[in-house]
Amino acid sequence: MSKVEDFLSKEEEQEIVEAIRMAEKNTSGEIRVHLEKTTALDVYDRALEVFNELKMDETQLKNGVLIYLAVEDKTFVICGDYGINDVVANDFWDSTKEVMVAHFKNGNYKQGLVDGILIAGEQLKKHFPWSEDDTNELSNEISKG
């Protein structure tokens, strides 16, 4: 099995998917988590590629958020579309990342991801509240590459 398959248990993956569902319950925003073994590219450049591959750049309000992890490289990045980036504080993603890193350093990857998702969800809810006509534009499942 690859490191990506071993990174989280099935139960942990389901808890992360549930966190995405809960975070998106009160917002039109979309959150995805993508896991890969490694990347030869700069991690942010690769995250942007994945963002486009997952069609996160096609959300109606440009409010998608991707949490990208290169498991073997022990690196990750959070990237948001311009709709969310235009309205959050300049240090928002860095402060979210710090919360996640605190868990990751202790080997608690699931909780780090859950906390990052819920923090992102709070900002999405604040700036992009859910409305009657909202649809879930993207899958909540963890994607793997």
C-alpha atoms as a PDB file:
ATOM      1  CA  MET A   1       0.000   0.000   0.000  1.00  0.00           C
ATOM      2  CA  SER A   2       1.156   3.501  -0.725  1.00  0.00           C
ATOM      3  CA  LYS A   3       1.724   6.079   1.971  1.00  0.00           C
ATOM      4  CA  VAL A   4      -1.394   7.901   0.757  1.00  0.00           C
ATOM      5  CA  GLU A   5      -3.570   4.850   1.444  1.00  0.00           C
ATOM      6  CA  ASP A   6      -1.979   4.403   4.878  1.00  0.00           C
ATOM      7  CA  PHE A   7      -2.088   8.081   5.833  1.00  0.00           C
ATOM      8  CA  LEU A   8      -5.621   7.967   7.272  1.00  0.00           C
ATOM      9  CA  SER A   9      -7.793   5.074   8.365  1.00  0.00           C
ATOM     10  CA  LYS A  10     -11.193   4.611   6.716  1.00  0.00           C
ATOM     11  CA  GLU A  11     -12.793   5.865   9.936  1.00  0.00           C
ATOM     12  CA  GLU A  12     -10.606   8.975   9.945  1.00  0.00           C
ATOM     13  CA  GLU A  13     -11.441   9.627   6.290  1.00  0.00           C
ATOM     14  CA  GLN A  14     -15.145   9.423   7.110  1.00  0.00           C
ATOM     15  CA  GLU A  15     -14.703  11.881   9.990  1.00  0.00           C
ATOM     16  CA  ILE A  16     -12.998  14.311   7.598  1.00  0.00           C
ATOM     17  CA  VAL A  17     -15.785  13.921   5.024  1.00  0.00           C
ATOM     18  CA  GLU A  18     -18.300  14.563   7.814  1.00  0.00           C
ATOM     19  CA  ALA A  19     -16.376  17.705   8.837  1.00  0.00           C
ATOM     20  CA  ILE A  20     -16.592  18.921   5.230  1.00  0.00           C
ATOM     21  CA  ARG A  21     -20.324  18.204   5.192  1.00  0.00           C
ATOM     22  CA  MET A  22     -20.814  20.076   8.466  1.00  0.00           C
ATOM     23  CA  ALA A  23     -18.669  23.024   7.362  1.00  0.00           C
ATOM     24  CA  GLU A  24     -20.572  23.310   4.072  1.00  0.00           C
ATOM     25  CA  LYS A  25     -23.981  23.010   5.754  1.00  0.00           C
ATOM     26  CA  ASN A  26     -24.139  26.755   6.429  1.00  0.00           C
ATOM     27  CA  THR A  27     -22.365  28.094   3.349  1.00  0.00           C
ATOM     28  CA  SER A  28     -22.401  28.062  -0.419  1.00  0.00           C
ATOM     29  CA  GLY A  29     -18.622  27.526  -0.263  1.00  0.00           C
ATOM     30  CA  GLU A  30     -16.951  24.270  -1.255  1.00  0.00           C
ATOM     31  CA  ILE A  31     -14.118  22.537   0.617  1.00  0.00           C
ATOM     32  CA  ARG A  32     -12.021  19.665  -0.728  1.00  0.00           C
ATOM     33  CA  VAL A  33      -9.099  17.660   0.670  1.00  0.00           C
ATOM     34  CA  HIS A  34      -6.591  16.097  -1.724  1.00  0.00           C
ATOM     35  CA  LEU A  35      -3.836  13.656  -0.738  1.00  0.00           C
ATOM     36  CA  GLU A  36      -0.842  12.704  -2.858  1.00  0.00           C
ATOM     37  CA  LYS A  37       2.276  10.710  -2.094  1.00  0.00           C
ATOM     38  CA  THR A  38       4.694  13.376  -3.351  1.00  0.00           C
ATOM     39  CA  THR A  39       5.070  16.215  -5.818  1.00  0.00           C
ATOM     40  CA  ALA A  40       7.981  17.192  -8.025  1.00  0.00           C
ATOM     41  CA  LEU A  41       6.544  20.691  -8.317  1.00  0.00           C
ATOM     42  CA  ASP A  42       6.478  23.532  -5.847  1.00  0.00           C
ATOM     43  CA  VAL A  43       3.709  22.500  -3.440  1.00  0.00           C
ATOM     44  CA  TYR A  44       1.624  25.627  -4.098  1.00  0.00           C
ATOM     45  CA  ASP A  45       1.943  25.203  -7.876  1.00  0.00           C
ATOM     46  CA  ARG A  46       0.833  21.577  -7.578  1.00  0.00           C
ATOM     47  CA  ALA A  47      -2.089  22.564  -5.346  1.00  0.00           C
ATOM     48  CA  LEU A  48      -3.222  25.051  -7.994  1.00  0.00           C
ATOM     49  CA  GLU A  49      -3.067  22.300 -10.627  1.00  0.00           C
ATOM     50  CA  VAL A  50      -5.179  20.011  -8.423  1.00  0.00           C
ATOM     51  CA  PHE A  51      -7.557  22.911  -7.714  1.00  0.00           C
ATOM     52  CA  ASN A  52      -8.189  23.177 -11.455  1.00  0.00           C
ATOM     53  CA  GLU A  53      -8.273  19.397 -12.038  1.00  0.00           C
ATOM     54  CA  LEU A  54     -10.990  19.076  -9.369  1.00  0.00           C
ATOM     55  CA  LYS A  55     -12.904  21.901 -11.092  1.00  0.00           C
ATOM     56  CA  MET A  56     -12.810  23.963  -7.919  1.00  0.00           C
ATOM     57  CA  ASP A  57     -12.259  27.042 -10.073  1.00  0.00           C
ATOM     58  CA  GLU A  58     -15.740  26.525 -11.547  1.00  0.00           C
ATOM     59  CA  THR A  59     -17.840  27.204  -8.456  1.00  0.00           C
ATOM     60  CA  GLN A  60     -20.448  29.875  -9.040  1.00  0.00           C
ATOM     61  CA  LEU A  61     -19.187  32.296  -6.372  1.00  0.00           C
ATOM     62  CA  LYS A  62     -15.481  31.410  -6.702  1.00  0.00           C
ATOM     63  CA  ASN A  63     -15.462  30.266  -3.080  1.00  0.00           C
ATOM     64  CA  GLY A  64     -13.750  26.894  -3.213  1.00  0.00           C
ATOM     65  CA  VAL A  65     -11.057  25.959  -0.683  1.00  0.00           C
ATOM     66  CA  LEU A  66      -8.566  23.148  -1.248  1.00  0.00           C
ATOM     67  CA  ILE A  67      -6.422  21.557   1.446  1.00  0.00           C
ATOM     68  CA  TYR A  68      -3.644  19.804  -0.473  1.00  0.00           C
ATOM     69  CA  LEU A  69      -1.197  17.407   1.223  1.00  0.00           C
ATOM     70  CA  ALA A  70       1.897  15.730  -0.238  1.00  0.00           C
ATOM     71  CA  VAL A  71       2.125  12.987   2.382  1.00  0.00           C
ATOM     72  CA  GLU A  72       5.655  11.678   1.819  1.00  0.00           C
ATOM     73  CA  ASP A  73       7.013  15.228   1.433  1.00  0.00           C
ATOM     74  CA  LYS A  74       5.353  16.211   4.722  1.00  0.00           C
ATOM     75  CA  THR A  75       4.062  19.425   3.221  1.00  0.00           C
ATOM     76  CA  PHE A  76       0.665  20.949   2.623  1.00  0.00           C
ATOM     77  CA  VAL A  77      -0.989  24.098   1.408  1.00  0.00           C
ATOM     78  CA  ILE A  78      -4.417  25.647   1.678  1.00  0.00           C
ATOM     79  CA  CYS A  79      -5.588  27.540  -1.355  1.00  0.00           C
ATOM     80  CA  GLY A  80      -8.807  29.391  -1.881  1.00  0.00           C
ATOM     81  CA  ASP A  81     -10.381  30.782  -5.012  1.00  0.00           C
ATOM     82  CA  TYR A  82     -10.389  34.533  -5.430  1.00  0.00           C
ATOM     83  CA  GLY A  83     -13.944  34.911  -4.101  1.00  0.00           C
ATOM     84  CA  ILE A  84     -12.869  33.790  -0.620  1.00  0.00           C
ATOM     85  CA  ASN A  85      -9.328  35.191  -0.834  1.00  0.00           C
ATOM     86  CA  ASP A  86     -10.722  38.661  -1.537  1.00  0.00           C
ATOM     87  CA  VAL A  87     -12.720  38.745   1.708  1.00  0.00           C
ATOM     88  CA  VAL A  88     -10.659  36.976   4.379  1.00  0.00           C
ATOM     89  CA  ALA A  89      -7.903  38.676   6.379  1.00  0.00           C
ATOM     90  CA  ASN A  90      -4.464  38.596   4.757  1.00  0.00           C
ATOM     91  CA  ASP A  91      -3.109  36.197   7.396  1.00  0.00           C
ATOM     92  CA  PHE A  92      -6.181  33.942   7.463  1.00  0.00           C
ATOM     93  CA  TRP A  93      -4.709  30.957   5.626  1.00  0.00           C
ATOM     94  CA  ASP A  94      -1.426  31.214   7.549  1.00  0.00           C
ATOM     95  CA  SER A  95      -3.220  31.221  10.905  1.00  0.00           C
ATOM     96  CA  THR A  96      -5.384  28.280   9.786  1.00  0.00           C
ATOM     97  CA  LYS A  97      -2.265  26.433   8.691  1.00  0.00           C
ATOM     98  CA  GLU A  98      -0.642  27.037  12.114  1.00  0.00           C
ATOM     99  CA  VAL A  99      -3.588  25.351  13.863  1.00  0.00           C
ATOM    100  CA  MET A 100      -3.234  22.376  11.552  1.00  0.00           C
ATOM    101  CA  VAL A 101       0.566  22.162  11.949  1.00  0.00           C
ATOM    102  CA  ALA A 102       0.188  21.997  15.739  1.00  0.00           C
ATOM    103  CA  HIS A 103      -1.838  18.777  15.315  1.00  0.00           C
ATOM    104  CA  PHE A 104       0.362  17.423  12.511  1.00  0.00           C
ATOM    105  CA  LYS A 105       3.496  17.752  14.667  1.00  0.00           C
ATOM    106  CA  ASN A 106       1.870  15.369  17.145  1.00  0.00           C
ATOM    107  CA  GLY A 107       0.938  12.930  14.371  1.00  0.00           C
ATOM    108  CA  ASN A 108      -2.732  13.808  14.658  1.00  0.00           C
ATOM    109  CA  TYR A 109      -3.411  14.396  10.958  1.00  0.00           C
ATOM    110  CA  LYS A 110      -7.122  13.710  11.122  1.00  0.00           C
ATOM    111  CA  GLN A 111      -7.736  16.335  13.805  1.00  0.00           C
ATOM    112  CA  GLY A 112      -5.529  18.855  12.009  1.00  0.00           C
ATOM    113  CA  LEU A 113      -7.547  18.401   8.839  1.00  0.00           C
ATOM    114  CA  VAL A 114     -10.870  18.545  10.698  1.00  0.00           C
ATOM    115  CA  ASP A 115      -9.877  21.769  12.477  1.00  0.00           C
ATOM    116  CA  GLY A 116      -8.647  23.356   9.230  1.00  0.00           C
ATOM    117  CA  ILE A 117     -11.886  22.417   7.490  1.00  0.00           C
ATOM    118  CA  LEU A 118     -14.061  23.799  10.291  1.00  0.00           C
ATOM    119  CA  ILE A 119     -12.084  27.069  10.477  1.00  0.00           C
ATOM    120  CA  ALA A 120     -12.375  27.508   6.710  1.00  0.00           C
ATOM    121  CA  GLY A 121     -16.076  26.687   6.983  1.00  0.00           C
ATOM    122  CA  GLU A 122     -16.621  29.430   9.547  1.00  0.00           C
ATOM    123  CA  GLN A 123     -15.128  32.034   7.204  1.00  0.00           C
ATOM    124  CA  LEU A 124     -17.101  30.688   4.278  1.00  0.00           C
ATOM    125  CA  LYS A 125     -20.294  30.857   6.351  1.00  0.00           C
ATOM    126  CA  LYS A 126     -19.540  34.447   7.326  1.00  0.00           C
ATOM    127  CA  HIS A 127     -18.865  35.636   3.780  1.00  0.00           C
ATOM    128  CA  PHE A 128     -20.924  33.166   1.729  1.00  0.00           C
ATOM    129  CA  PRO A 129     -23.946  32.138   3.815  1.00  0.00           C
ATOM    130  CA  TRP A 130     -26.109  29.239   2.698  1.00  0.00           C
ATOM    131  CA  SER A 131     -29.300  30.108   0.855  1.00  0.00           C
ATOM    132  CA  GLU A 132     -32.360  28.144  -0.307  1.00  0.00           C
ATOM    133  CA  ASP A 133     -31.082  27.676  -3.857  1.00  0.00           C
ATOM    134  CA  ASP A 134     -27.592  26.426  -2.908  1.00  0.00           C
ATOM    135  CA  THR A 135     -26.450  23.103  -4.283  1.00  0.00           C
ATOM    136  CA  ASN A 136     -23.415  21.081  -3.340  1.00  0.00           C
ATOM    137  CA  GLU A 137     -21.295  21.812  -6.413  1.00  0.00           C
ATOM    138  CA  LEU A 138     -18.393  19.490  -5.581  1.00  0.00           C
ATOM    139  CA  SER A 139     -17.912  16.117  -3.932  1.00  0.00           C
ATOM    140  CA  ASN A 140     -17.059  16.038  -0.240  1.00  0.00           C
ATOM    141  CA  GLU A 141     -14.985  12.881  -0.640  1.00  0.00           C
ATOM    142  CA  ILE A 142     -11.215  13.015  -0.179  1.00  0.00           C
ATOM    143  CA  SER A 143      -9.501  12.875  -3.549  1.00  0.00           C
ATOM    144  CA  LYS A 144      -6.206  11.063  -3.974  1.00  0.00           C
ATOM    145  CA  GLY A 145      -3.536  11.301  -6.608  1.00  0.00           C
END
